[in-house]
Amino acid sequence: MVMDNGQPLSVRGKLFEGKVVSAKNKNTVVIRRENPLYITKTKRYARSTSTIHAYKSASLEVKEGDTVVAAECRPIAKSVAFVVVEVRS
């Protein structure tokens, strides 16, 4: 993966899939990730969500509502430590 300024960006760690909530910024998207959380007392699953900021390359066309795959990378900004690798829909 290469950033817009030409520097290489190594991808390491976790991969996850999520839905784009906001794509207003030029290089950053906000992704909502859903995790099923098992509650042993009621023996059911609850829905747990988390929002993650991810870097988006200029070559990717990402809009709100798309499902994307993000990968962990080095910290790019204060709250950005993931990069969008693939757009699924």
C-alpha atoms as a PDB file:
ATOM      1  CA  MET A   1       0.000   0.000   0.000  1.00  0.00           C
ATOM      2  CA  VAL A   2       1.329   3.440  -0.923  1.00  0.00           C
ATOM      3  CA  MET A   3       0.172   6.741   0.579  1.00  0.00           C
ATOM      4  CA  ASP A   4      -0.718   9.746  -1.594  1.00  0.00           C
ATOM      5  CA  ASN A   5       2.641  11.423  -0.919  1.00  0.00           C
ATOM      6  CA  GLY A   6       4.529   8.393  -2.281  1.00  0.00           C
ATOM      7  CA  GLN A   7       5.674   6.880   1.027  1.00  0.00           C
ATOM      8  CA  PRO A   8       5.119   3.142   1.466  1.00  0.00           C
ATOM      9  CA  LEU A   9       2.684   2.074   4.177  1.00  0.00           C
ATOM     10  CA  SER A  10       3.231  -1.376   5.684  1.00  0.00           C
ATOM     11  CA  VAL A  11       0.104  -3.274   6.684  1.00  0.00           C
ATOM     12  CA  ARG A  12       0.291  -5.531   9.720  1.00  0.00           C
ATOM     13  CA  GLY A  13      -1.928  -6.947  12.441  1.00  0.00           C
ATOM     14  CA  LYS A  14      -5.675  -7.297  12.217  1.00  0.00           C
ATOM     15  CA  LEU A  15      -8.032  -7.150   9.240  1.00  0.00           C
ATOM     16  CA  PHE A  16     -11.701  -6.373   9.746  1.00  0.00           C
ATOM     17  CA  GLU A  17     -14.826  -5.614   7.761  1.00  0.00           C
ATOM     18  CA  GLY A  18     -17.133  -2.699   8.487  1.00  0.00           C
ATOM     19  CA  LYS A  19     -19.600  -0.220   7.055  1.00  0.00           C
ATOM     20  CA  VAL A  20     -18.625   3.343   6.153  1.00  0.00           C
ATOM     21  CA  VAL A  21     -20.524   5.867   8.284  1.00  0.00           C
ATOM     22  CA  SER A  22     -18.831   9.069   7.110  1.00  0.00           C
ATOM     23  CA  ALA A  23     -16.665   9.800   4.063  1.00  0.00           C
ATOM     24  CA  LYS A  24     -16.695  13.610   4.229  1.00  0.00           C
ATOM     25  CA  ASN A  25     -12.974  14.046   4.807  1.00  0.00           C
ATOM     26  CA  LYS A  26     -10.583  13.916   1.846  1.00  0.00           C
ATOM     27  CA  ASN A  27      -8.290  11.142   3.108  1.00  0.00           C
ATOM     28  CA  THR A  28     -10.164   9.637   6.063  1.00  0.00           C
ATOM     29  CA  VAL A  29     -13.311   7.554   6.486  1.00  0.00           C
ATOM     30  CA  VAL A  30     -15.173   6.540   9.632  1.00  0.00           C
ATOM     31  CA  ILE A  31     -16.054   2.857   9.789  1.00  0.00           C
ATOM     32  CA  ARG A  32     -18.605   1.232  12.101  1.00  0.00           C
ATOM     33  CA  ARG A  33     -17.737  -2.303  13.117  1.00  0.00           C
ATOM     34  CA  GLU A  34     -20.272  -4.666  14.689  1.00  0.00           C
ATOM     35  CA  ASN A  35     -19.173  -7.312  17.188  1.00  0.00           C
ATOM     36  CA  PRO A  36     -21.579  -9.924  18.517  1.00  0.00           C
ATOM     37  CA  LEU A  37     -21.228 -10.044  22.296  1.00  0.00           C
ATOM     38  CA  TYR A  38     -22.376 -13.236  24.058  1.00  0.00           C
ATOM     39  CA  ILE A  39     -24.173 -12.738  27.389  1.00  0.00           C
ATOM     40  CA  THR A  40     -23.958 -15.908  29.486  1.00  0.00           C
ATOM     41  CA  LYS A  41     -26.746 -14.996  31.905  1.00  0.00           C
ATOM     42  CA  THR A  42     -29.421 -14.751  29.202  1.00  0.00           C
ATOM     43  CA  LYS A  43     -27.633 -17.091  26.732  1.00  0.00           C
ATOM     44  CA  ARG A  44     -28.112 -14.632  23.880  1.00  0.00           C
ATOM     45  CA  TYR A  45     -26.045 -12.368  21.711  1.00  0.00           C
ATOM     46  CA  ALA A  46     -26.054  -8.584  21.998  1.00  0.00           C
ATOM     47  CA  ARG A  47     -24.902  -6.202  19.301  1.00  0.00           C
ATOM     48  CA  SER A  48     -21.804  -4.198  20.166  1.00  0.00           C
ATOM     49  CA  THR A  49     -20.482  -1.503  17.813  1.00  0.00           C
ATOM     50  CA  SER A  50     -17.274   0.491  17.634  1.00  0.00           C
ATOM     51  CA  THR A  51     -16.236   3.305  15.307  1.00  0.00           C
ATOM     52  CA  ILE A  52     -12.781   3.394  13.761  1.00  0.00           C
ATOM     53  CA  HIS A  53     -11.084   6.078  11.692  1.00  0.00           C
ATOM     54  CA  ALA A  54      -9.194   4.749   8.656  1.00  0.00           C
ATOM     55  CA  TYR A  55      -6.981   6.281   5.967  1.00  0.00           C
ATOM     56  CA  LYS A  56      -8.355   6.178   2.413  1.00  0.00           C
ATOM     57  CA  SER A  57      -6.122   6.348  -0.644  1.00  0.00           C
ATOM     58  CA  ALA A  58      -7.108   8.735  -3.443  1.00  0.00           C
ATOM     59  CA  SER A  59      -7.351   5.797  -5.880  1.00  0.00           C
ATOM     60  CA  LEU A  60     -10.251   4.227  -3.929  1.00  0.00           C
ATOM     61  CA  GLU A  61     -13.842   5.378  -4.510  1.00  0.00           C
ATOM     62  CA  VAL A  62     -15.531   5.114  -1.100  1.00  0.00           C
ATOM     63  CA  LYS A  63     -18.931   6.550  -0.209  1.00  0.00           C
ATOM     64  CA  GLU A  64     -21.230   6.271   2.797  1.00  0.00           C
ATOM     65  CA  GLY A  65     -22.923   2.897   3.156  1.00  0.00           C
ATOM     66  CA  ASP A  66     -20.132   0.909   1.445  1.00  0.00           C
ATOM     67  CA  THR A  67     -18.744  -2.214   3.071  1.00  0.00           C
ATOM     68  CA  VAL A  68     -14.956  -2.031   3.270  1.00  0.00           C
ATOM     69  CA  VAL A  69     -12.036  -4.102   4.537  1.00  0.00           C
ATOM     70  CA  ALA A  70      -9.550  -2.231   6.744  1.00  0.00           C
ATOM     71  CA  ALA A  71      -6.119  -3.326   7.936  1.00  0.00           C
ATOM     72  CA  GLU A  72      -3.998  -2.200  10.855  1.00  0.00           C
ATOM     73  CA  CYS A  73      -0.951  -0.051  10.102  1.00  0.00           C
ATOM     74  CA  ARG A  74       1.352   2.413  11.833  1.00  0.00           C
ATOM     75  CA  PRO A  75      -0.291   5.495  13.422  1.00  0.00           C
ATOM     76  CA  ILE A  76      -0.920   8.098  10.701  1.00  0.00           C
ATOM     77  CA  ALA A  77      -2.664  10.651  12.932  1.00  0.00           C
ATOM     78  CA  LYS A  78      -3.892  10.895  16.519  1.00  0.00           C
ATOM     79  CA  SER A  79      -6.944   8.715  15.872  1.00  0.00           C
ATOM     80  CA  VAL A  80      -6.010   7.019  12.567  1.00  0.00           C
ATOM     81  CA  ALA A  81      -4.164   3.687  12.723  1.00  0.00           C
ATOM     82  CA  PHE A  82      -6.029   1.698  10.047  1.00  0.00           C
ATOM     83  CA  VAL A  83      -6.048   1.837   6.242  1.00  0.00           C
ATOM     84  CA  VAL A  84      -8.814   0.859   3.792  1.00  0.00           C
ATOM     85  CA  VAL A  85      -7.571  -2.063   1.699  1.00  0.00           C
ATOM     86  CA  GLU A  86     -10.639  -3.125  -0.284  1.00  0.00           C
ATOM     87  CA  VAL A  87     -14.132  -1.861  -1.107  1.00  0.00           C
ATOM     88  CA  ARG A  88     -16.666  -4.695  -1.243  1.00  0.00           C
ATOM     89  CA  SER A  89     -19.858  -2.802  -2.161  1.00  0.00           C
END
